[in-house]
Amino acid sequence: MPRPNRLDVVIVVAVALIANFVYFRFSAGDFYFPDSATYLAPARSMLAGAGFLGPDGKPDPIRTPGYPLLLVLFGARPLPVLALQHLANAALAASIYIFLLRRTASRAMALTASLLFAVDVPTIHYANKILTETLFTVVLYVIFVMTLQRRYLPLIAALCGVLTMVRPIALFWCVPIAIVLAISRVPLRQLVALVLIALVLPLAWAMRNKAHAGVFTVSSIGSINLLNHRAAGALAIEDAGDDFYKDLADEQSGLQEDADDWIQKQLHIPDAQELPVAVRAKYYGRYALGIIAQHKLALVQLTLSGALVNLTDSDWEAVAIESPVSPELLRLFFGAVPAIILTFAVIGILALWRRDRVLSLLVGLTLVYFIGLASGSEAESRFRVPVMPQMMIAAAAGVLAVRRGVA
C-alpha cells in the first residue's frame, strides 16, 4: 500500500483552505439561505431549554435534529459553524487524496480528484451558508469509505441513522449499501442487521413526531415536496409554456387550494390551514400521489430535467454577486465546468467497472440515489454538493482513462 506524499497532502490542504477562506472573507456576510432560519430556530429553542421547536414556536415535524445539534454546540452563532464547515472541506480534500492513493495506487488520480474537490465552487459556496450540505457530505463520505473497507458494519449502520437525522433523504441509502456489501459477500444476517440498526434513530424520531405532531414520520418535508415540487412540477411540464418557473408557481398555488379543499371535504372541517403542519402534509402527500398517477410521463420528464439541473447547474449568479469579473465570463466558465466534470465522471465510472467494480458500483449507486431523489422542480447545484467527493473520484478516473486512451 503506497504511503501518502506529505507534500501532496500539504498542497491539497493549502489549495482547499485558500479557496474556502478567500470565499469566506469576500462573501460580505452573506451566510444565510431561506432554509437557514428553519435550522437556527430549533437550535436556539434547544439552547433556551424549550425543546425542538420550529420558527412558529411549535414542535417541528419538518426538520430533523442533526444539523441543529451542531449549531447548538456553537451557541447557534454562524461564524464558528461556517469556519468549521470550510475546514471540513479541506479535510475532505485531503481524505480523498489519501483514500484514492491507497485504493488505486495512482498518485495522479488521487491528486486530480482531491484538487478538483478542493476548488469546487458549489461545495465552497454552500459551506459558506447555515445549511446541512457540508455536515451531510462529511458523514456520507465517511460511510462511503467505511463501506468499501467492509469493516465496522454496526458503526456503518449507526452512521446511516445519523445521516438521516441530518437530512431525511438518506433514509433508504442503507439499501444501496447493503447491495454493495452483498456483492462483496457479506453474510445476509449481517446485512439485515445493518438495515435494522440504520433505521433505529429514524424510527425513534418518527415516534417523537407522532407524539408531538400527530403523524408517524421522520419528516413532513417529503410529503410537502411531493405536492409542491413533484405534482406541481409535472403539471408545469405539461403546460409547456415559455417560463417553466412561472407555470410552476401558478400550479403550486392552484394545487395548494385544491388540496386544501379536498382535505376539508375528507375531514369535514372548515379550514385545512388550521390543521397542524404534519397532519396537513400527510394529506398533501396523498393528494399529490393521485395527481402524479395521472401524469406519469410528465413526472419522468420532470425527473430527468431535474437530474440534469442537479448535475450541471453552476449557481454562477451567487459567485457573480461577490466577484468583480464580468458576469458573462463567469456564466460561460461556471456553466462549462459542471458539464465537463459530469462527462469525465461517466467515463470514469465505466473505466472503474473494469478494474474496481465495488468502487464503481458504490459511486454509481450513490450518485443515482441522491441526485435522483432530489430531481424535481426544486433541483439546483446545492443538491449535488453531498456527492461531490464521489463525483470527483469518478471524474479523476475518467481523466486518467482518457489520457491513457490518447497516449
Protein backbone atom coordinates (compact mmCIF):
# COMPACT_ATOMS: atom_id res chain seq x y z
CA MET A 1 0.00 0.00 0.00
CA PRO A 2 1.63 3.31 -1.09
CA ARG A 3 2.21 5.93 1.59
CA PRO A 4 0.77 9.43 1.05
CA ASN A 5 3.26 12.01 -0.12
CA ARG A 6 3.41 14.70 2.56
CA LEU A 7 4.00 17.46 0.03
CA ASP A 8 0.94 16.33 -1.94
CA VAL A 9 -1.20 16.47 1.19
CA VAL A 10 0.13 19.92 2.06
CA ILE A 11 -0.62 21.19 -1.44
CA VAL A 12 -4.16 19.76 -1.44
CA VAL A 13 -4.96 21.17 2.00
CA ALA A 14 -3.42 24.54 1.17
CA VAL A 15 -5.41 24.87 -2.06
CA ALA A 16 -8.63 23.91 -0.28
CA LEU A 17 -8.02 26.29 2.63
CA ILE A 18 -7.15 29.20 0.34
CA ALA A 19 -10.19 28.61 -1.90
CA ASN A 20 -12.58 28.22 1.04
CA PHE A 21 -11.39 31.05 3.22
CA VAL A 22 -10.87 33.55 0.40
CA TYR A 23 -14.53 32.93 -0.48
CA PHE A 24 -15.44 33.22 3.21
CA ARG A 25 -13.54 36.51 3.51
CA PHE A 26 -15.10 38.15 0.46
CA SER A 27 -18.66 36.86 0.87
CA ALA A 28 -19.73 40.12 2.56
CA GLY A 29 -21.53 38.32 5.39
CA ASP A 30 -23.91 36.51 3.05
CA PHE A 31 -24.21 33.46 5.28
CA TYR A 32 -27.91 32.71 5.12
CA PHE A 33 -30.30 30.88 2.83
CA PRO A 34 -34.11 30.79 3.05
CA ASP A 35 -33.82 27.44 4.86
CA SER A 36 -31.28 28.73 7.40
CA ALA A 37 -33.92 30.09 9.77
CA THR A 38 -35.55 26.66 9.98
CA TYR A 39 -32.30 25.22 11.39
CA LEU A 40 -31.45 28.14 13.65
CA ALA A 41 -34.92 28.24 15.25
CA PRO A 42 -34.82 24.71 16.78
CA ALA A 43 -31.16 25.21 17.77
CA ARG A 44 -31.98 28.41 19.65
CA SER A 45 -35.05 26.76 21.12
CA MET A 46 -32.94 23.89 22.47
CA LEU A 47 -30.40 26.35 23.85
CA ALA A 48 -33.24 28.07 25.69
CA GLY A 49 -34.36 24.73 27.14
CA ALA A 50 -37.69 24.78 25.27
CA GLY A 51 -37.12 21.66 23.16
CA PHE A 52 -37.06 21.19 19.40
CA LEU A 53 -39.37 23.98 18.24
CA GLY A 54 -39.70 25.49 14.78
CA PRO A 55 -39.88 29.17 13.79
CA ASP A 56 -43.58 29.15 14.75
CA GLY A 57 -42.77 28.11 18.32
CA LYS A 58 -44.39 24.67 17.91
CA PRO A 59 -42.78 21.20 17.83
CA ASP A 60 -41.09 20.99 14.42
CA PRO A 61 -42.06 17.95 12.29
CA ILE A 62 -40.12 19.12 9.23
CA ARG A 63 -36.50 19.44 10.33
CA THR A 64 -34.50 16.57 11.80
CA PRO A 65 -32.14 17.30 14.71
CA GLY A 66 -28.73 16.50 13.21
CA TYR A 67 -27.70 19.95 11.96
CA PRO A 68 -29.44 21.97 14.70
CA LEU A 69 -27.46 19.96 17.26
CA LEU A 70 -24.24 21.05 15.54
CA LEU A 71 -25.45 24.64 15.77
CA VAL A 72 -26.16 24.13 19.48
CA LEU A 73 -22.53 23.15 20.06
CA PHE A 74 -21.52 26.63 18.88
CA GLY A 75 -24.30 28.54 20.59
CA ALA A 76 -26.14 28.93 17.25
CA ARG A 77 -23.51 31.50 16.23
CA PRO A 78 -22.89 31.37 12.48
CA LEU A 79 -19.20 32.33 12.19
CA PRO A 80 -17.65 29.39 14.07
CA VAL A 81 -20.01 26.95 12.32
CA LEU A 82 -19.07 28.33 8.90
CA ALA A 83 -15.37 28.24 9.74
CA LEU A 84 -15.77 24.59 10.77
CA GLN A 85 -17.57 23.84 7.50
CA HIS A 86 -14.76 25.35 5.45
CA LEU A 87 -12.18 23.41 7.48
CA ALA A 88 -14.22 20.26 6.86
CA ASN A 89 -13.94 20.86 3.11
CA ALA A 90 -10.14 20.96 3.42
CA ALA A 91 -10.17 17.77 5.50
CA LEU A 92 -12.37 16.08 2.89
CA ALA A 93 -9.98 17.07 0.10
CA ALA A 94 -7.05 15.52 2.00
CA SER A 95 -9.10 12.42 2.79
CA ILE A 96 -9.99 11.92 -0.88
CA TYR A 97 -6.28 12.05 -1.78
CA ILE A 98 -5.30 9.53 0.91
CA PHE A 99 -8.20 7.17 0.16
CA LEU A 100 -7.60 7.07 -3.59
CA LEU A 101 -3.85 6.70 -3.28
CA ARG A 102 -4.32 3.67 -1.06
CA ARG A 103 -7.19 2.24 -3.10
CA THR A 104 -5.77 2.71 -6.60
CA ALA A 105 -2.03 3.29 -6.05
CA SER A 106 -2.40 6.14 -8.56
CA ARG A 107 -0.89 9.43 -7.38
CA ALA A 108 -2.23 11.20 -10.48
CA MET A 109 -5.79 10.04 -9.81
CA ALA A 110 -5.58 10.93 -6.12
CA LEU A 111 -4.24 14.42 -6.83
CA THR A 112 -6.75 15.06 -9.62
CA ALA A 113 -9.79 14.09 -7.54
CA SER A 114 -8.70 15.91 -4.40
CA LEU A 115 -7.75 19.14 -6.19
CA LEU A 116 -10.95 19.15 -8.23
CA PHE A 117 -12.90 18.82 -4.99
CA ALA A 118 -10.77 21.47 -3.27
CA VAL A 119 -11.83 24.17 -5.77
CA ASP A 120 -15.40 23.05 -6.46
CA VAL A 121 -17.46 26.24 -6.34
CA PRO A 122 -20.85 24.88 -5.15
CA THR A 123 -19.11 22.93 -2.39
CA ILE A 124 -17.37 26.09 -1.18
CA HIS A 125 -20.43 28.28 -1.68
CA TYR A 126 -22.76 26.11 0.42
CA ALA A 127 -20.14 25.64 3.13
CA ASN A 128 -20.48 29.40 3.48
CA LYS A 129 -24.16 29.05 4.41
CA ILE A 130 -26.02 27.87 7.50
CA LEU A 131 -27.18 24.74 5.72
CA THR A 132 -26.83 20.98 6.13
CA GLU A 133 -24.79 20.34 2.98
CA THR A 134 -21.27 20.21 4.43
CA LEU A 135 -22.11 18.15 7.51
CA PHE A 136 -24.12 15.77 5.33
CA THR A 137 -21.24 15.47 2.85
CA VAL A 138 -18.76 14.60 5.62
CA VAL A 139 -20.91 11.88 7.20
CA LEU A 140 -21.86 10.49 3.78
CA TYR A 141 -18.21 10.29 2.73
CA VAL A 142 -17.18 8.55 5.98
CA ILE A 143 -19.88 5.90 5.42
CA PHE A 144 -18.82 5.58 1.77
CA VAL A 145 -15.18 4.85 2.67
CA MET A 146 -16.07 2.51 5.55
CA THR A 147 -18.40 0.54 3.26
CA LEU A 148 -15.60 -0.01 0.77
CA GLN A 149 -13.39 -1.25 3.61
CA ARG A 150 -16.16 -3.69 4.68
CA ARG A 151 -15.36 -3.23 8.35
CA TYR A 152 -17.25 -1.99 11.40
CA LEU A 153 -20.67 -2.78 9.91
CA PRO A 154 -22.61 -1.85 13.08
CA LEU A 155 -20.91 1.56 13.06
CA ILE A 156 -21.73 2.00 9.36
CA ALA A 157 -25.36 1.22 10.16
CA ALA A 158 -25.45 3.65 13.09
CA LEU A 159 -23.91 6.38 10.94
CA CYS A 160 -26.60 5.78 8.31
CA GLY A 161 -29.12 6.63 11.01
CA VAL A 162 -27.15 9.75 11.93
CA LEU A 163 -27.05 10.74 8.26
CA THR A 164 -30.85 10.56 8.09
CA MET A 165 -31.03 12.77 11.16
CA VAL A 166 -29.04 15.38 9.21
CA ARG A 167 -31.17 15.11 6.06
CA PRO A 168 -34.16 12.73 5.73
CA ILE A 169 -33.34 11.99 2.08
CA ALA A 170 -30.80 9.44 3.36
CA LEU A 171 -33.46 7.23 4.96
CA PHE A 172 -33.13 4.38 2.45
CA TRP A 173 -29.47 4.77 1.49
CA CYS A 174 -28.77 1.73 3.67
CA VAL A 175 -30.31 -0.34 0.85
CA PRO A 176 -27.68 0.55 -1.82
CA ILE A 177 -25.01 0.00 0.85
CA ALA A 178 -26.45 -3.44 1.58
CA ILE A 179 -26.42 -4.24 -2.16
CA VAL A 180 -22.74 -3.36 -2.45
CA LEU A 181 -21.88 -5.34 0.68
CA ALA A 182 -23.89 -8.32 -0.62
CA ILE A 183 -21.81 -8.29 -3.81
CA SER A 184 -18.76 -8.24 -1.54
CA ARG A 185 -20.13 -11.47 0.03
CA VAL A 186 -21.11 -10.09 3.41
CA PRO A 187 -23.49 -12.64 5.04
CA LEU A 188 -27.23 -11.97 4.74
CA ARG A 189 -27.82 -11.86 8.50
CA GLN A 190 -25.25 -9.07 8.82
CA LEU A 191 -26.95 -7.13 6.03
CA VAL A 192 -30.36 -7.47 7.71
CA ALA A 193 -28.82 -6.29 10.99
CA LEU A 194 -27.25 -3.32 9.19
CA VAL A 195 -30.60 -2.19 7.75
CA LEU A 196 -32.37 -2.62 11.10
CA ILE A 197 -29.72 -0.68 13.03
CA ALA A 198 -29.77 2.07 10.37
CA LEU A 199 -33.50 2.53 11.00
CA VAL A 200 -33.31 2.81 14.80
CA LEU A 201 -32.70 6.59 15.00
CA PRO A 202 -35.16 7.48 12.20
CA LEU A 203 -37.88 5.33 13.80
CA ALA A 204 -37.23 6.92 17.19
CA TRP A 205 -37.58 10.38 15.64
CA ALA A 206 -40.75 9.31 13.83
CA MET A 207 -42.18 8.26 17.19
CA ARG A 208 -41.28 11.68 18.56
CA ASN A 209 -43.15 13.32 15.66
CA LYS A 210 -46.15 11.06 16.30
CA ALA A 211 -46.20 12.13 19.94
CA HIS A 212 -45.68 15.87 19.34
CA ALA A 213 -47.10 16.48 15.87
CA GLY A 214 -49.64 13.69 15.45
CA VAL A 215 -48.04 11.92 12.47
CA PHE A 216 -45.60 8.98 12.40
CA THR A 217 -42.98 10.37 10.01
CA VAL A 218 -39.28 11.13 10.03
CA SER A 219 -40.04 14.46 8.34
CA SER A 220 -43.07 16.05 6.71
CA ILE A 221 -40.87 17.70 4.09
CA GLY A 222 -41.19 14.74 1.73
CA SER A 223 -44.99 14.98 1.55
CA ILE A 224 -44.85 18.75 1.12
CA ASN A 225 -42.32 18.42 -1.70
CA LEU A 226 -44.44 15.72 -3.30
CA LEU A 227 -47.19 18.29 -3.78
CA ASN A 228 -45.16 21.44 -4.46
CA HIS A 229 -42.28 20.02 -6.50
CA ARG A 230 -43.43 16.71 -8.00
CA ALA A 231 -47.16 17.04 -8.68
CA ALA A 232 -46.98 20.78 -9.41
CA GLY A 233 -43.75 20.30 -11.37
CA ALA A 234 -45.31 17.58 -13.52
CA LEU A 235 -48.28 19.83 -14.30
CA ALA A 236 -45.93 22.72 -15.13
CA ILE A 237 -44.05 20.45 -17.53
CA GLU A 238 -47.32 19.63 -19.28
CA ASP A 239 -48.18 23.34 -19.54
CA ALA A 240 -45.21 23.64 -21.94
CA GLY A 241 -45.12 27.40 -21.51
CA ASP A 242 -42.19 29.71 -22.21
CA ASP A 243 -41.48 30.21 -18.49
CA PHE A 244 -41.41 26.95 -16.52
CA TYR A 245 -40.98 28.65 -13.14
CA LYS A 246 -43.95 30.95 -13.70
CA ASP A 247 -46.05 27.94 -14.67
CA LEU A 248 -44.73 26.14 -11.59
CA ALA A 249 -45.74 28.97 -9.27
CA ASP A 250 -49.22 29.01 -10.81
CA GLU A 251 -49.60 25.24 -10.44
CA GLN A 252 -48.32 25.29 -6.86
CA SER A 253 -50.86 27.94 -5.91
CA GLY A 254 -53.70 26.08 -7.65
CA LEU A 255 -52.76 22.69 -6.21
CA GLN A 256 -52.49 24.16 -2.71
CA GLU A 257 -56.05 25.43 -2.92
CA ASP A 258 -57.33 22.19 -4.48
CA ALA A 259 -55.58 20.07 -1.85
CA ASP A 260 -56.97 22.21 0.97
CA ASP A 261 -60.48 21.85 -0.46
CA TRP A 262 -60.00 18.08 -0.70
CA ILE A 263 -58.80 17.89 2.92
CA GLN A 264 -61.76 19.94 4.11
CA LYS A 265 -64.18 17.56 2.37
CA GLN A 266 -62.35 14.47 3.65
CA LEU A 267 -62.26 15.63 7.26
CA HIS A 268 -65.42 17.76 7.25
CA ILE A 269 -63.61 20.82 8.56
CA PRO A 270 -63.98 24.48 7.56
CA ASP A 271 -60.28 25.35 7.05
CA ALA A 272 -57.44 22.94 6.28
CA GLN A 273 -54.88 25.61 7.12
CA GLU A 274 -55.84 25.33 10.78
CA LEU A 275 -54.54 21.75 10.90
CA PRO A 276 -51.02 21.10 12.26
CA VAL A 277 -48.37 21.15 9.54
CA ALA A 278 -47.59 17.44 9.88
CA VAL A 279 -51.24 16.42 9.56
CA ARG A 280 -51.79 18.71 6.58
CA ALA A 281 -48.60 17.42 4.93
CA LYS A 282 -49.78 13.82 5.25
CA TYR A 283 -52.90 14.64 3.24
CA TYR A 284 -50.89 16.74 0.77
CA GLY A 285 -48.80 13.65 0.03
CA ARG A 286 -51.88 11.53 -0.62
CA TYR A 287 -53.42 14.16 -2.85
CA ALA A 288 -50.15 14.59 -4.76
CA LEU A 289 -49.90 10.86 -5.46
CA GLY A 290 -53.31 10.99 -7.13
CA ILE A 291 -52.17 13.85 -9.37
CA ILE A 292 -48.88 12.12 -10.20
CA ALA A 293 -50.68 8.87 -11.11
CA GLN A 294 -52.50 10.79 -13.84
CA HIS A 295 -49.34 12.45 -15.19
CA LYS A 296 -46.66 9.75 -15.09
CA LEU A 297 -44.89 10.74 -18.31
CA ALA A 298 -44.65 14.36 -17.20
CA LEU A 299 -43.12 13.19 -13.91
CA VAL A 300 -40.50 11.20 -15.82
CA GLN A 301 -39.68 14.30 -17.89
CA LEU A 302 -39.51 16.40 -14.73
CA THR A 303 -37.19 13.90 -13.03
CA LEU A 304 -34.82 13.73 -16.00
CA SER A 305 -34.65 17.51 -16.36
CA GLY A 306 -34.23 17.87 -12.59
CA ALA A 307 -31.36 15.39 -12.56
CA LEU A 308 -29.66 17.34 -15.35
CA VAL A 309 -30.07 20.57 -13.39
CA ASN A 310 -28.72 18.96 -10.22
CA LEU A 311 -25.67 17.70 -12.08
CA THR A 312 -24.87 20.74 -14.23
CA ASP A 313 -26.30 23.84 -12.52
CA SER A 314 -23.40 26.18 -11.78
CA ASP A 315 -25.01 28.71 -9.41
CA TRP A 316 -22.84 31.28 -11.19
CA GLU A 317 -25.17 34.12 -10.12
CA ALA A 318 -24.17 33.63 -6.47
CA VAL A 319 -20.49 33.93 -7.41
CA ALA A 320 -21.16 36.95 -9.62
CA ILE A 321 -22.54 38.87 -6.63
CA GLU A 322 -19.16 38.61 -4.89
CA SER A 323 -16.86 38.84 -7.93
CA PRO A 324 -15.64 41.82 -9.98
CA VAL A 325 -15.24 39.53 -13.01
CA SER A 326 -17.68 40.01 -15.88
CA PRO A 327 -20.92 38.08 -15.21
CA GLU A 328 -20.92 36.79 -18.79
CA LEU A 329 -17.45 35.30 -18.35
CA LEU A 330 -18.47 33.73 -15.05
CA ARG A 331 -21.60 32.29 -16.65
CA LEU A 332 -19.59 30.80 -19.51
CA PHE A 333 -16.87 29.37 -17.24
CA PHE A 334 -19.06 28.01 -14.46
CA GLY A 335 -21.58 26.69 -16.95
CA ALA A 336 -18.95 24.66 -18.78
CA VAL A 337 -17.15 23.17 -15.77
CA PRO A 338 -20.01 21.02 -14.34
CA ALA A 339 -20.75 19.58 -17.80
CA ILE A 340 -17.09 18.67 -18.27
CA ILE A 341 -16.91 17.10 -14.80
CA LEU A 342 -20.07 15.09 -15.48
CA THR A 343 -18.70 13.82 -18.80
CA PHE A 344 -15.46 12.64 -17.21
CA ALA A 345 -17.40 11.13 -14.28
CA VAL A 346 -19.47 8.95 -16.60
CA ILE A 347 -16.31 7.82 -18.39
CA GLY A 348 -14.67 7.21 -15.02
CA ILE A 349 -17.46 5.01 -13.66
CA LEU A 350 -17.23 2.85 -16.78
CA ALA A 351 -13.43 2.71 -16.52
CA LEU A 352 -13.57 1.79 -12.82
CA TRP A 353 -16.02 -1.02 -13.58
CA ARG A 354 -13.25 -2.87 -15.42
CA ARG A 355 -10.77 -2.78 -12.53
CA ASP A 356 -12.63 -1.98 -9.29
CA ARG A 357 -16.28 -2.96 -9.63
CA VAL A 358 -17.16 -2.41 -5.98
CA LEU A 359 -15.90 1.18 -6.08
CA SER A 360 -17.58 1.79 -9.43
CA LEU A 361 -20.89 0.38 -8.19
CA LEU A 362 -20.90 2.33 -4.92
CA VAL A 363 -20.04 5.59 -6.70
CA GLY A 364 -22.75 4.97 -9.29
CA LEU A 365 -25.43 3.99 -6.78
CA THR A 366 -24.59 6.95 -4.55
CA LEU A 367 -24.93 9.40 -7.43
CA VAL A 368 -28.14 7.84 -8.73
CA TYR A 369 -29.74 7.70 -5.28
CA PHE A 370 -29.06 11.23 -4.08
CA ILE A 371 -29.29 13.00 -7.43
CA GLY A 372 -32.40 11.05 -8.42
CA LEU A 373 -34.35 11.62 -5.21
CA ALA A 374 -33.68 15.37 -5.37
CA SER A 375 -34.67 15.65 -9.04
CA GLY A 376 -37.84 17.70 -9.09
CA SER A 377 -38.72 21.30 -9.75
CA GLU A 378 -36.56 22.28 -6.75
CA ALA A 379 -33.39 20.99 -8.44
CA GLU A 380 -30.24 23.15 -8.15
CA SER A 381 -26.48 22.84 -7.70
CA ARG A 382 -26.97 22.57 -3.93
CA PHE A 383 -28.25 19.01 -4.26
CA ARG A 384 -25.11 17.63 -5.87
CA VAL A 385 -22.81 19.01 -3.16
CA PRO A 386 -23.12 15.93 -0.87
CA VAL A 387 -21.97 13.61 -3.67
CA MET A 388 -19.14 15.78 -4.97
CA PRO A 389 -16.42 13.59 -3.39
CA GLN A 390 -17.81 10.60 -5.30
CA MET A 391 -18.29 12.70 -8.44
CA MET A 392 -14.67 13.89 -8.33
CA ILE A 393 -13.39 10.36 -7.74
CA ALA A 394 -15.23 9.23 -10.86
CA ALA A 395 -14.12 12.31 -12.84
CA ALA A 396 -10.48 11.71 -11.92
CA ALA A 397 -10.80 8.10 -13.09
CA GLY A 398 -12.29 9.44 -16.33
CA VAL A 399 -9.44 11.89 -16.85
CA LEU A 400 -6.89 9.10 -16.44
CA ALA A 401 -8.85 6.79 -18.74
CA VAL A 402 -8.96 9.45 -21.47
CA ARG A 403 -5.29 10.26 -21.03
CA ARG A 404 -4.32 6.60 -21.35
CA GLY A 405 -6.57 6.27 -24.39
CA VAL A 406 -4.97 9.27 -26.07
CA ALA A 407 -1.47 8.13 -25.12
